Amino acid sequence: MTSSLLSCNILLAGVGGQGTLVAGRILGEVALTLGLDAKVSEVHGMSQRGGSVVTYVRMSPSVGSPLIDEGEVDYLLAFEQLEGLRWAPSLVQGGTLVVNALMIRPLTVSIGAATYPEGIPDLLERAAAGRAKVIALDGSALAAANGSPKSLNVVMIGVFAARSGLPKEAFVSAIDRVFPEKLRAMNQSAFAAGFEKGRTA
């Protein structure tokens, strides 16, 4: 883990349409609120719905490269199970993996060219083996219960906020800046649900 709460590397892994880049924008706004430098970069994947998408976020008093090397991710927020398994090796010793209990079968599985692994939460727990904290949740259900399934990304941000120790108020204000007024209440509700889950996990 990085030595300061005000310096961390975050990897957002999901598929197209899940809002990883919007989540990255929120984290960038949080960093600005705290007077930190931030780099947000979508460096892998395809933007179309269903394609794998990864967004890197680095926040620190001074950030150089926007890229995060393998083994240096403090927080991995996996919006889908297979993406969590795919990117788990990126975690630093003592890191945190937040994984949404959602299965989205990629094209290779749909056409029968590959199989979707079974028991991914168990695989992640074994892979962590004391190296990282694994928090599994049904973030999609939390999002649906708090306004819209589309707010999964904000639920995941809420879990991160609770685990990171960063000021909650910075996230609340960032959400209000990122979303138009008509979507703020719904996303604040999703954030609160994720924050509570993260606080008690």
N, C-alpha and C. Protein backbone atom coordinates (compact mmCIF):
# COMPACT_ATOMS: atom_id res chain seq x y z
N MET A 1 0.85 -1.20 0.00
CA MET A 1 0.00 0.00 0.00
C MET A 1 0.87 1.24 0.00
N THR A 2 0.48 2.23 -0.72
CA THR A 2 1.23 3.47 -0.70
C THR A 2 1.24 4.04 0.70
N SER A 3 2.24 4.85 0.99
CA SER A 3 2.48 5.26 2.37
C SER A 3 1.49 6.28 2.90
N SER A 4 0.76 6.94 2.02
CA SER A 4 -0.15 7.99 2.45
C SER A 4 -1.54 7.76 1.88
N LEU A 5 -2.55 8.10 2.70
CA LEU A 5 -3.91 8.02 2.19
C LEU A 5 -4.11 8.97 1.02
N LEU A 6 -3.27 10.01 0.94
CA LEU A 6 -3.41 10.99 -0.12
C LEU A 6 -2.58 10.63 -1.34
N SER A 7 -2.14 9.40 -1.43
CA SER A 7 -1.39 8.93 -2.59
C SER A 7 -1.80 7.50 -2.86
N CYS A 8 -2.53 7.26 -3.93
CA CYS A 8 -2.95 5.88 -4.21
C CYS A 8 -3.20 5.67 -5.70
N ASN A 9 -3.08 4.40 -6.07
CA ASN A 9 -3.30 3.96 -7.44
C ASN A 9 -4.55 3.10 -7.48
N ILE A 10 -5.46 3.43 -8.39
CA ILE A 10 -6.75 2.76 -8.47
C ILE A 10 -6.95 2.25 -9.89
N LEU A 11 -7.39 1.02 -10.01
CA LEU A 11 -7.71 0.44 -11.31
C LEU A 11 -9.19 0.10 -11.34
N LEU A 12 -9.89 0.62 -12.32
CA LEU A 12 -11.32 0.38 -12.52
C LEU A 12 -11.46 -0.56 -13.71
N ALA A 13 -11.96 -1.77 -13.47
CA ALA A 13 -12.03 -2.77 -14.53
C ALA A 13 -13.48 -3.20 -14.74
N GLY A 14 -13.93 -3.13 -15.97
CA GLY A 14 -15.30 -3.53 -16.27
C GLY A 14 -15.46 -3.80 -17.75
N VAL A 15 -16.67 -3.66 -18.23
CA VAL A 15 -16.95 -3.81 -19.65
C VAL A 15 -17.64 -2.54 -20.13
N GLY A 16 -17.65 -2.37 -21.46
CA GLY A 16 -18.26 -1.18 -22.03
C GLY A 16 -19.70 -1.00 -21.57
N GLY A 17 -20.04 0.22 -21.20
CA GLY A 17 -21.39 0.52 -20.74
C GLY A 17 -21.54 0.54 -19.23
N GLN A 18 -20.50 0.13 -18.48
CA GLN A 18 -20.61 0.11 -17.02
C GLN A 18 -20.15 1.40 -16.36
N GLY A 19 -19.59 2.30 -17.11
CA GLY A 19 -19.26 3.61 -16.56
C GLY A 19 -17.94 3.70 -15.83
N THR A 20 -16.94 2.92 -16.23
CA THR A 20 -15.65 3.01 -15.53
C THR A 20 -15.00 4.37 -15.75
N LEU A 21 -15.14 4.93 -16.95
CA LEU A 21 -14.50 6.21 -17.21
C LEU A 21 -15.17 7.33 -16.42
N VAL A 22 -16.50 7.27 -16.26
CA VAL A 22 -17.19 8.26 -15.43
C VAL A 22 -16.74 8.13 -13.98
N ALA A 23 -16.58 6.89 -13.52
CA ALA A 23 -16.06 6.68 -12.17
C ALA A 23 -14.67 7.28 -12.03
N GLY A 24 -13.86 7.15 -13.08
CA GLY A 24 -12.54 7.76 -13.06
C GLY A 24 -12.62 9.28 -12.99
N ARG A 25 -13.58 9.85 -13.68
CA ARG A 25 -13.77 11.31 -13.61
C ARG A 25 -14.12 11.75 -12.21
N ILE A 26 -14.98 10.98 -11.53
CA ILE A 26 -15.34 11.31 -10.15
C ILE A 26 -14.10 11.30 -9.27
N LEU A 27 -13.27 10.27 -9.41
CA LEU A 27 -12.06 10.18 -8.60
C LEU A 27 -11.10 11.32 -8.92
N GLY A 28 -11.04 11.71 -10.18
CA GLY A 28 -10.22 12.86 -10.53
C GLY A 28 -10.70 14.13 -9.85
N GLU A 29 -12.02 14.31 -9.80
CA GLU A 29 -12.60 15.47 -9.11
C GLU A 29 -12.32 15.42 -7.60
N VAL A 30 -12.37 14.22 -7.03
CA VAL A 30 -12.04 14.06 -5.61
C VAL A 30 -10.62 14.54 -5.36
N ALA A 31 -9.69 14.11 -6.21
CA ALA A 31 -8.30 14.51 -6.05
C ALA A 31 -8.15 16.02 -6.11
N LEU A 32 -8.83 16.66 -7.06
CA LEU A 32 -8.75 18.11 -7.18
C LEU A 32 -9.30 18.79 -5.93
N THR A 33 -10.40 18.26 -5.40
CA THR A 33 -10.98 18.80 -4.17
C THR A 33 -9.98 18.76 -3.02
N LEU A 34 -9.17 17.72 -2.99
CA LEU A 34 -8.19 17.54 -1.91
C LEU A 34 -6.87 18.22 -2.21
N GLY A 35 -6.79 18.93 -3.32
CA GLY A 35 -5.57 19.64 -3.67
C GLY A 35 -4.48 18.73 -4.19
N LEU A 36 -4.86 17.60 -4.76
CA LEU A 36 -3.91 16.62 -5.26
C LEU A 36 -3.81 16.67 -6.78
N ASP A 37 -2.70 16.18 -7.27
CA ASP A 37 -2.55 15.96 -8.70
C ASP A 37 -3.23 14.63 -9.03
N ALA A 38 -3.76 14.50 -10.22
CA ALA A 38 -4.43 13.26 -10.62
C ALA A 38 -4.25 13.03 -12.10
N LYS A 39 -4.13 11.76 -12.45
CA LYS A 39 -4.12 11.35 -13.85
C LYS A 39 -5.16 10.25 -14.02
N VAL A 40 -6.04 10.42 -15.00
CA VAL A 40 -7.08 9.43 -15.31
C VAL A 40 -6.88 9.01 -16.76
N SER A 41 -6.77 7.70 -16.97
CA SER A 41 -6.48 7.24 -18.32
C SER A 41 -7.18 5.93 -18.62
N GLU A 42 -7.93 5.89 -19.72
CA GLU A 42 -8.49 4.65 -20.23
C GLU A 42 -7.46 4.09 -21.20
N VAL A 43 -6.79 3.02 -20.77
CA VAL A 43 -5.63 2.57 -21.53
C VAL A 43 -5.81 1.20 -22.17
N HIS A 44 -6.93 0.57 -21.92
CA HIS A 44 -7.10 -0.78 -22.47
C HIS A 44 -8.58 -1.01 -22.73
N GLY A 45 -8.87 -1.67 -23.81
CA GLY A 45 -10.24 -2.09 -24.02
C GLY A 45 -10.94 -1.34 -25.13
N MET A 46 -12.23 -1.61 -25.24
CA MET A 46 -13.05 -1.05 -26.30
C MET A 46 -14.24 -0.34 -25.67
N SER A 47 -14.65 0.75 -26.30
CA SER A 47 -15.71 1.54 -25.71
C SER A 47 -17.10 0.96 -25.95
N GLN A 48 -17.22 0.05 -26.92
CA GLN A 48 -18.55 -0.46 -27.20
C GLN A 48 -19.05 -1.35 -26.06
N ARG A 49 -20.35 -1.41 -25.91
CA ARG A 49 -20.94 -2.21 -24.83
C ARG A 49 -20.51 -3.67 -24.96
N GLY A 50 -20.02 -4.21 -23.86
CA GLY A 50 -19.61 -5.61 -23.83
C GLY A 50 -18.12 -5.83 -23.93
N GLY A 51 -17.36 -4.84 -24.41
CA GLY A 51 -15.91 -4.98 -24.52
C GLY A 51 -15.24 -4.65 -23.20
N SER A 52 -14.11 -5.30 -22.93
CA SER A 52 -13.36 -5.05 -21.70
C SER A 52 -12.81 -3.63 -21.69
N VAL A 53 -12.99 -2.93 -20.56
CA VAL A 53 -12.51 -1.55 -20.42
C VAL A 53 -11.81 -1.40 -19.08
N VAL A 54 -10.63 -0.79 -19.11
CA VAL A 54 -9.87 -0.56 -17.89
C VAL A 54 -9.51 0.92 -17.82
N THR A 55 -9.76 1.52 -16.67
CA THR A 55 -9.42 2.91 -16.43
C THR A 55 -8.46 2.99 -15.25
N TYR A 56 -7.32 3.64 -15.44
CA TYR A 56 -6.35 3.85 -14.37
C TYR A 56 -6.55 5.23 -13.77
N VAL A 57 -6.46 5.31 -12.45
CA VAL A 57 -6.51 6.59 -11.75
C VAL A 57 -5.33 6.64 -10.78
N ARG A 58 -4.53 7.66 -10.91
CA ARG A 58 -3.43 7.88 -9.97
C ARG A 58 -3.65 9.23 -9.32
N MET A 59 -3.61 9.27 -7.98
CA MET A 59 -3.70 10.54 -7.27
C MET A 59 -2.58 10.62 -6.25
N SER A 60 -1.97 11.79 -6.18
CA SER A 60 -0.81 12.00 -5.33
C SER A 60 -0.50 13.49 -5.33
N PRO A 61 0.31 13.97 -4.41
CA PRO A 61 0.73 15.38 -4.50
C PRO A 61 1.38 15.72 -5.84
N SER A 62 2.03 14.72 -6.46
CA SER A 62 2.61 14.92 -7.78
C SER A 62 2.57 13.60 -8.53
N VAL A 63 1.95 13.58 -9.70
CA VAL A 63 1.82 12.36 -10.50
C VAL A 63 2.58 12.53 -11.79
N GLY A 64 3.40 11.54 -12.13
CA GLY A 64 4.10 11.55 -13.40
C GLY A 64 3.30 10.83 -14.45
N SER A 65 3.64 9.57 -14.69
CA SER A 65 2.95 8.77 -15.70
C SER A 65 1.54 8.43 -15.25
N PRO A 66 0.57 8.40 -16.19
CA PRO A 66 -0.78 7.99 -15.82
C PRO A 66 -0.93 6.48 -15.70
N LEU A 67 0.08 5.73 -16.14
CA LEU A 67 0.00 4.28 -16.13
C LEU A 67 0.43 3.71 -14.78
N ILE A 68 -0.13 2.55 -14.44
CA ILE A 68 0.19 1.87 -13.19
C ILE A 68 0.81 0.52 -13.53
N ASP A 69 1.98 0.27 -13.02
CA ASP A 69 2.65 -1.00 -13.29
C ASP A 69 1.97 -2.14 -12.53
N GLU A 70 2.11 -3.36 -13.06
CA GLU A 70 1.58 -4.54 -12.36
C GLU A 70 2.21 -4.65 -10.98
N GLY A 71 1.37 -4.95 -10.00
CA GLY A 71 1.84 -5.06 -8.62
C GLY A 71 1.85 -3.75 -7.87
N GLU A 72 1.32 -2.68 -8.48
CA GLU A 72 1.32 -1.37 -7.83
C GLU A 72 -0.08 -0.77 -7.67
N VAL A 73 -1.11 -1.59 -7.89
CA VAL A 73 -2.49 -1.11 -7.74
C VAL A 73 -2.92 -1.26 -6.28
N ASP A 74 -3.28 -0.16 -5.65
CA ASP A 74 -3.73 -0.19 -4.25
C ASP A 74 -5.18 -0.67 -4.15
N TYR A 75 -6.02 -0.20 -5.07
CA TYR A 75 -7.44 -0.56 -5.07
C TYR A 75 -7.84 -0.99 -6.48
N LEU A 76 -8.38 -2.19 -6.58
CA LEU A 76 -8.95 -2.68 -7.82
C LEU A 76 -10.46 -2.75 -7.65
N LEU A 77 -11.17 -1.95 -8.42
CA LEU A 77 -12.63 -1.96 -8.40
C LEU A 77 -13.09 -2.70 -9.65
N ALA A 78 -13.53 -3.94 -9.48
CA ALA A 78 -13.93 -4.78 -10.60
C ALA A 78 -15.44 -4.77 -10.72
N PHE A 79 -15.94 -4.20 -11.79
CA PHE A 79 -17.37 -4.05 -12.00
C PHE A 79 -18.01 -5.36 -12.45
N GLU A 80 -17.19 -6.34 -12.78
CA GLU A 80 -17.64 -7.64 -13.27
C GLU A 80 -16.64 -8.68 -12.81
N GLN A 81 -17.12 -9.91 -12.52
CA GLN A 81 -16.27 -10.91 -11.87
C GLN A 81 -15.03 -11.29 -12.68
N LEU A 82 -15.22 -11.58 -13.96
CA LEU A 82 -14.09 -12.03 -14.77
C LEU A 82 -13.01 -10.96 -14.88
N GLU A 83 -13.45 -9.70 -14.93
CA GLU A 83 -12.48 -8.60 -14.97
C GLU A 83 -11.69 -8.53 -13.66
N GLY A 84 -12.35 -8.86 -12.55
CA GLY A 84 -11.64 -8.91 -11.27
C GLY A 84 -10.56 -9.97 -11.29
N LEU A 85 -10.89 -11.13 -11.81
CA LEU A 85 -9.92 -12.22 -11.89
C LEU A 85 -8.79 -11.87 -12.85
N ARG A 86 -9.14 -11.23 -13.94
CA ARG A 86 -8.14 -10.87 -14.95
C ARG A 86 -7.08 -9.91 -14.40
N TRP A 87 -7.53 -8.95 -13.59
CA TRP A 87 -6.63 -7.89 -13.15
C TRP A 87 -6.13 -8.04 -11.71
N ALA A 88 -6.53 -9.09 -11.01
CA ALA A 88 -6.08 -9.30 -9.63
C ALA A 88 -4.56 -9.28 -9.47
N PRO A 89 -3.79 -9.82 -10.42
CA PRO A 89 -2.32 -9.77 -10.24
C PRO A 89 -1.74 -8.37 -10.18
N SER A 90 -2.53 -7.36 -10.56
CA SER A 90 -2.04 -5.99 -10.54
C SER A 90 -1.95 -5.41 -9.14
N LEU A 91 -2.59 -6.07 -8.17
CA LEU A 91 -2.67 -5.52 -6.81
C LEU A 91 -1.33 -5.55 -6.10
N VAL A 92 -1.10 -4.51 -5.32
CA VAL A 92 0.06 -4.43 -4.45
C VAL A 92 -0.17 -5.32 -3.22
N GLN A 93 0.90 -5.71 -2.55
CA GLN A 93 0.76 -6.42 -1.28
C GLN A 93 0.00 -5.53 -0.29
N GLY A 94 -1.07 -6.07 0.28
CA GLY A 94 -1.90 -5.28 1.19
C GLY A 94 -2.96 -4.46 0.49
N GLY A 95 -3.16 -4.69 -0.81
CA GLY A 95 -4.17 -3.95 -1.55
C GLY A 95 -5.58 -4.43 -1.27
N THR A 96 -6.53 -3.81 -1.94
CA THR A 96 -7.95 -4.13 -1.76
C THR A 96 -8.61 -4.36 -3.11
N LEU A 97 -9.33 -5.48 -3.22
CA LEU A 97 -10.10 -5.80 -4.41
C LEU A 97 -11.58 -5.76 -4.07
N VAL A 98 -12.31 -4.89 -4.72
CA VAL A 98 -13.76 -4.81 -4.58
C VAL A 98 -14.35 -5.39 -5.86
N VAL A 99 -15.10 -6.49 -5.74
CA VAL A 99 -15.61 -7.16 -6.95
C VAL A 99 -17.12 -7.27 -6.91
N ASN A 100 -17.75 -6.83 -8.00
CA ASN A 100 -19.19 -6.91 -8.15
C ASN A 100 -19.58 -8.31 -8.61
N ALA A 101 -20.59 -8.88 -7.96
CA ALA A 101 -21.03 -10.25 -8.28
C ALA A 101 -21.89 -10.25 -9.53
N LEU A 102 -21.29 -9.90 -10.65
CA LEU A 102 -21.99 -9.85 -11.93
C LEU A 102 -21.19 -10.63 -12.95
N MET A 103 -21.87 -11.43 -13.76
CA MET A 103 -21.22 -12.20 -14.81
C MET A 103 -21.70 -11.69 -16.17
N ILE A 104 -20.77 -11.16 -16.95
CA ILE A 104 -21.07 -10.74 -18.32
C ILE A 104 -20.17 -11.57 -19.22
N ARG A 105 -20.78 -12.47 -19.96
CA ARG A 105 -20.00 -13.38 -20.80
C ARG A 105 -19.45 -12.65 -22.03
N PRO A 106 -18.13 -12.69 -22.20
CA PRO A 106 -17.55 -12.04 -23.38
C PRO A 106 -17.91 -12.78 -24.65
N LEU A 107 -17.62 -12.15 -25.78
CA LEU A 107 -17.99 -12.72 -27.08
C LEU A 107 -17.40 -14.11 -27.27
N THR A 108 -16.17 -14.32 -26.82
CA THR A 108 -15.54 -15.63 -27.01
C THR A 108 -16.31 -16.74 -26.31
N VAL A 109 -16.91 -16.41 -25.17
CA VAL A 109 -17.73 -17.39 -24.45
C VAL A 109 -19.06 -17.58 -25.17
N SER A 110 -19.65 -16.49 -25.61
CA SER A 110 -20.96 -16.54 -26.27
C SER A 110 -20.93 -17.40 -27.53
N ILE A 111 -19.80 -17.38 -28.25
CA ILE A 111 -19.73 -18.15 -29.49
C ILE A 111 -19.14 -19.53 -29.27
N GLY A 112 -18.85 -19.86 -28.01
CA GLY A 112 -18.36 -21.20 -27.68
C GLY A 112 -16.87 -21.40 -27.84
N ALA A 113 -16.11 -20.31 -28.06
CA ALA A 113 -14.66 -20.43 -28.23
C ALA A 113 -13.92 -20.48 -26.91
N ALA A 114 -14.61 -20.17 -25.82
CA ALA A 114 -14.00 -20.20 -24.49
C ALA A 114 -15.09 -20.47 -23.47
N THR A 115 -14.69 -20.77 -22.25
CA THR A 115 -15.65 -20.98 -21.18
C THR A 115 -15.45 -19.93 -20.10
N TYR A 116 -16.56 -19.57 -19.46
CA TYR A 116 -16.50 -18.61 -18.36
C TYR A 116 -16.12 -19.37 -17.09
N PRO A 117 -15.07 -18.96 -16.39
CA PRO A 117 -14.65 -19.69 -15.19
C PRO A 117 -15.74 -19.74 -14.13
N GLU A 118 -15.86 -20.86 -13.45
CA GLU A 118 -16.83 -20.99 -12.36
C GLU A 118 -16.16 -20.68 -11.03
N GLY A 119 -16.97 -20.23 -10.07
CA GLY A 119 -16.47 -20.00 -8.72
C GLY A 119 -15.44 -18.90 -8.62
N ILE A 120 -15.63 -17.81 -9.38
CA ILE A 120 -14.63 -16.74 -9.39
C ILE A 120 -14.41 -16.13 -7.99
N PRO A 121 -15.45 -15.87 -7.19
CA PRO A 121 -15.17 -15.33 -5.84
C PRO A 121 -14.22 -16.22 -5.04
N ASP A 122 -14.41 -17.54 -5.11
CA ASP A 122 -13.50 -18.44 -4.41
C ASP A 122 -12.10 -18.38 -5.00
N LEU A 123 -12.02 -18.29 -6.32
CA LEU A 123 -10.71 -18.19 -6.97
C LEU A 123 -9.99 -16.91 -6.53
N LEU A 124 -10.74 -15.83 -6.40
CA LEU A 124 -10.14 -14.57 -5.97
C LEU A 124 -9.65 -14.65 -4.53
N GLU A 125 -10.44 -15.27 -3.67
CA GLU A 125 -10.03 -15.42 -2.28
C GLU A 125 -8.74 -16.22 -2.18
N ARG A 126 -8.65 -17.30 -2.96
CA ARG A 126 -7.44 -18.12 -2.94
C ARG A 126 -6.26 -17.37 -3.54
N ALA A 127 -6.52 -16.60 -4.58
CA ALA A 127 -5.45 -15.84 -5.22
C ALA A 127 -4.92 -14.77 -4.27
N ALA A 128 -5.82 -14.17 -3.50
CA ALA A 128 -5.39 -13.14 -2.55
C ALA A 128 -4.53 -13.74 -1.44
N ALA A 129 -5.01 -14.82 -0.83
CA ALA A 129 -4.23 -15.59 0.17
C ALA A 129 -3.47 -14.69 1.13
N GLY A 130 -4.15 -13.70 1.68
CA GLY A 130 -3.52 -12.81 2.63
C GLY A 130 -2.79 -11.65 1.98
N ARG A 131 -2.64 -11.68 0.66
CA ARG A 131 -1.94 -10.60 -0.04
C ARG A 131 -2.82 -9.36 -0.20
N ALA A 132 -4.12 -9.59 -0.34
CA ALA A 132 -5.04 -8.48 -0.56
C ALA A 132 -6.38 -8.78 0.10
N LYS A 133 -7.07 -7.73 0.47
CA LYS A 133 -8.42 -7.84 1.02
C LYS A 133 -9.40 -7.93 -0.13
N VAL A 134 -10.28 -8.95 -0.10
CA VAL A 134 -11.30 -9.11 -1.14
C VAL A 134 -12.67 -8.77 -0.55
N ILE A 135 -13.35 -7.83 -1.18
CA ILE A 135 -14.71 -7.45 -0.78
C ILE A 135 -15.63 -7.77 -1.95
N ALA A 136 -16.47 -8.78 -1.78
CA ALA A 136 -17.43 -9.17 -2.81
C ALA A 136 -18.80 -8.62 -2.45
N LEU A 137 -19.50 -8.07 -3.42
CA LEU A 137 -20.81 -7.51 -3.15
C LEU A 137 -21.66 -7.59 -4.40
N ASP A 138 -22.96 -7.51 -4.20
CA ASP A 138 -23.89 -7.42 -5.33
C ASP A 138 -24.16 -5.93 -5.58
N GLY A 139 -23.18 -5.30 -6.20
CA GLY A 139 -23.30 -3.87 -6.45
C GLY A 139 -24.40 -3.53 -7.42
N SER A 140 -24.67 -4.45 -8.35
CA SER A 140 -25.74 -4.20 -9.32
C SER A 140 -27.09 -4.11 -8.63
N ALA A 141 -27.32 -4.98 -7.64
CA ALA A 141 -28.58 -4.94 -6.89
C ALA A 141 -28.67 -3.66 -6.05
N LEU A 142 -27.55 -3.26 -5.45
CA LEU A 142 -27.55 -2.02 -4.67
C LEU A 142 -27.87 -0.83 -5.58
N ALA A 143 -27.30 -0.82 -6.77
CA ALA A 143 -27.57 0.27 -7.70
C ALA A 143 -29.04 0.31 -8.10
N ALA A 144 -29.60 -0.86 -8.44
CA ALA A 144 -31.00 -0.94 -8.84
C ALA A 144 -31.93 -0.50 -7.72
N ALA A 145 -31.57 -0.83 -6.48
CA ALA A 145 -32.41 -0.49 -5.33
C ALA A 145 -32.31 0.99 -4.97
N ASN A 146 -31.30 1.66 -5.51
CA ASN A 146 -31.09 3.06 -5.16
C ASN A 146 -31.17 3.98 -6.37
N GLY A 147 -32.07 3.63 -7.29
CA GLY A 147 -32.36 4.54 -8.38
C GLY A 147 -32.24 3.97 -9.77
N SER A 148 -31.10 3.33 -10.07
CA SER A 148 -30.91 2.83 -11.44
C SER A 148 -29.74 1.86 -11.50
N PRO A 149 -29.86 0.78 -12.28
CA PRO A 149 -28.72 -0.12 -12.48
C PRO A 149 -27.51 0.60 -13.06
N LYS A 150 -27.74 1.72 -13.75
CA LYS A 150 -26.64 2.47 -14.35
C LYS A 150 -25.74 3.13 -13.32
N SER A 151 -26.18 3.19 -12.07
CA SER A 151 -25.38 3.84 -11.04
C SER A 151 -24.43 2.86 -10.32
N LEU A 152 -24.22 1.68 -10.92
CA LEU A 152 -23.26 0.74 -10.35
C LEU A 152 -21.91 1.39 -10.13
N ASN A 153 -21.47 2.19 -11.10
CA ASN A 153 -20.15 2.81 -10.97
C ASN A 153 -20.05 3.67 -9.71
N VAL A 154 -21.13 4.34 -9.35
CA VAL A 154 -21.11 5.20 -8.18
C VAL A 154 -21.19 4.36 -6.90
N VAL A 155 -21.90 3.24 -6.94
CA VAL A 155 -21.88 2.30 -5.81
C VAL A 155 -20.45 1.86 -5.54
N MET A 156 -19.73 1.50 -6.58
CA MET A 156 -18.34 1.04 -6.43
C MET A 156 -17.46 2.15 -5.87
N ILE A 157 -17.69 3.38 -6.31
CA ILE A 157 -16.96 4.52 -5.77
C ILE A 157 -17.26 4.69 -4.28
N GLY A 158 -18.52 4.45 -3.89
CA GLY A 158 -18.88 4.55 -2.49
C GLY A 158 -18.13 3.56 -1.62
N VAL A 159 -17.99 2.33 -2.10
CA VAL A 159 -17.23 1.32 -1.36
C VAL A 159 -15.78 1.77 -1.22
N PHE A 160 -15.20 2.25 -2.32
CA PHE A 160 -13.83 2.74 -2.26
C PHE A 160 -13.69 3.88 -1.26
N ALA A 161 -14.63 4.81 -1.29
CA ALA A 161 -14.56 5.96 -0.38
C ALA A 161 -14.51 5.51 1.08
N ALA A 162 -15.33 4.53 1.42
CA ALA A 162 -15.37 4.05 2.81
C ALA A 162 -14.07 3.36 3.20
N ARG A 163 -13.46 2.64 2.26
CA ARG A 163 -12.24 1.89 2.57
C ARG A 163 -11.00 2.76 2.52
N SER A 164 -11.03 3.81 1.74
CA SER A 164 -9.82 4.60 1.50
C SER A 164 -9.45 5.51 2.66
N GLY A 165 -10.44 5.92 3.43
CA GLY A 165 -10.17 6.88 4.49
C GLY A 165 -10.13 8.32 4.01
N LEU A 166 -10.35 8.54 2.72
CA LEU A 166 -10.42 9.90 2.20
C LEU A 166 -11.73 10.55 2.65
N PRO A 167 -11.78 11.88 2.75
CA PRO A 167 -12.97 12.55 3.26
C PRO A 167 -14.22 12.27 2.42
N LYS A 168 -15.27 11.82 3.07
CA LYS A 168 -16.51 11.52 2.38
C LYS A 168 -17.05 12.74 1.64
N GLU A 169 -16.89 13.91 2.25
CA GLU A 169 -17.43 15.13 1.66
C GLU A 169 -16.82 15.43 0.30
N ALA A 170 -15.58 15.00 0.09
CA ALA A 170 -14.93 15.24 -1.20
C ALA A 170 -15.63 14.45 -2.30
N PHE A 171 -16.10 13.26 -1.98
CA PHE A 171 -16.81 12.44 -2.97
C PHE A 171 -18.21 13.00 -3.24
N VAL A 172 -18.87 13.43 -2.19
CA VAL A 172 -20.21 14.00 -2.34
C VAL A 172 -20.18 15.20 -3.28
N SER A 173 -19.23 16.09 -3.05
CA SER A 173 -19.15 17.29 -3.90
C SER A 173 -18.71 16.93 -5.32
N ALA A 174 -17.83 15.93 -5.46
CA ALA A 174 -17.37 15.52 -6.79
C ALA A 174 -18.53 14.96 -7.62
N ILE A 175 -19.38 14.16 -6.99
CA ILE A 175 -20.54 13.59 -7.68
C ILE A 175 -21.45 14.70 -8.20
N ASP A 176 -21.66 15.71 -7.38
CA ASP A 176 -22.51 16.82 -7.80
C ASP A 176 -21.90 17.60 -8.97
N ARG A 177 -20.59 17.63 -9.07
CA ARG A 177 -19.95 18.34 -10.18
C ARG A 177 -19.96 17.52 -11.47
N VAL A 178 -19.88 16.20 -11.34
CA VAL A 178 -19.80 15.34 -12.53
C VAL A 178 -21.16 15.14 -13.19
N PHE A 179 -22.23 15.03 -12.36
CA PHE A 179 -23.55 14.71 -12.91
C PHE A 179 -24.43 15.94 -13.01
N PRO A 180 -25.30 15.99 -14.02
CA PRO A 180 -26.27 17.09 -14.10
C PRO A 180 -27.25 17.02 -12.93
N GLU A 181 -27.89 18.12 -12.66
CA GLU A 181 -28.73 18.24 -11.47
C GLU A 181 -29.79 17.14 -11.39
N LYS A 182 -30.39 16.77 -12.53
CA LYS A 182 -31.48 15.78 -12.50
C LYS A 182 -31.00 14.38 -12.10
N LEU A 183 -29.70 14.13 -12.17
CA LEU A 183 -29.17 12.81 -11.83
C LEU A 183 -28.43 12.78 -10.48
N ARG A 184 -28.35 13.92 -9.83
CA ARG A 184 -27.54 13.99 -8.61
C ARG A 184 -28.13 13.21 -7.46
N ALA A 185 -29.41 13.35 -7.20
CA ALA A 185 -30.02 12.67 -6.05
C ALA A 185 -29.88 11.15 -6.17
N MET A 186 -30.14 10.62 -7.36
CA MET A 186 -30.03 9.19 -7.58
C MET A 186 -28.60 8.70 -7.33
N ASN A 187 -27.64 9.43 -7.85
CA ASN A 187 -26.25 9.01 -7.70
C ASN A 187 -25.74 9.22 -6.27
N GLN A 188 -26.24 10.22 -5.59
CA GLN A 188 -25.87 10.38 -4.18
C GLN A 188 -26.43 9.21 -3.36
N SER A 189 -27.62 8.74 -3.70
CA SER A 189 -28.20 7.59 -3.01
C SER A 189 -27.37 6.34 -3.27
N ALA A 190 -26.94 6.15 -4.51
CA ALA A 190 -26.10 5.00 -4.86
C ALA A 190 -24.77 5.08 -4.13
N PHE A 191 -24.20 6.26 -4.06
CA PHE A 191 -22.94 6.44 -3.34
C PHE A 191 -23.09 6.09 -1.87
N ALA A 192 -24.17 6.57 -1.25
CA ALA A 192 -24.41 6.29 0.17
C ALA A 192 -24.55 4.80 0.43
N ALA A 193 -25.23 4.08 -0.49
CA ALA A 193 -25.39 2.65 -0.33
C ALA A 193 -24.05 1.94 -0.43
N GLY A 194 -23.22 2.35 -1.39
CA GLY A 194 -21.90 1.77 -1.52
C GLY A 194 -21.01 2.08 -0.34
N PHE A 195 -21.11 3.32 0.14
CA PHE A 195 -20.29 3.73 1.30
C PHE A 195 -20.63 2.89 2.52
N GLU A 196 -21.90 2.66 2.77
CA GLU A 196 -22.32 1.85 3.92
C GLU A 196 -21.82 0.42 3.77
N LYS A 197 -21.90 -0.11 2.56
CA LYS A 197 -21.39 -1.46 2.33
C LYS A 197 -19.89 -1.53 2.59
N GLY A 198 -19.17 -0.56 2.11
CA GLY A 198 -17.74 -0.53 2.32
C GLY A 198 -17.36 -0.35 3.78
N ARG A 199 -18.16 0.44 4.48
CA ARG A 199 -17.87 0.69 5.91
C ARG A 199 -18.03 -0.54 6.77
N THR A 200 -18.95 -1.43 6.38
CA THR A 200 -19.24 -2.61 7.19
C THR A 200 -18.60 -3.89 6.66
N ALA A 201 -17.96 -3.83 5.50
CA ALA A 201 -17.36 -5.03 4.89
C ALA A 201 -16.13 -5.49 5.66
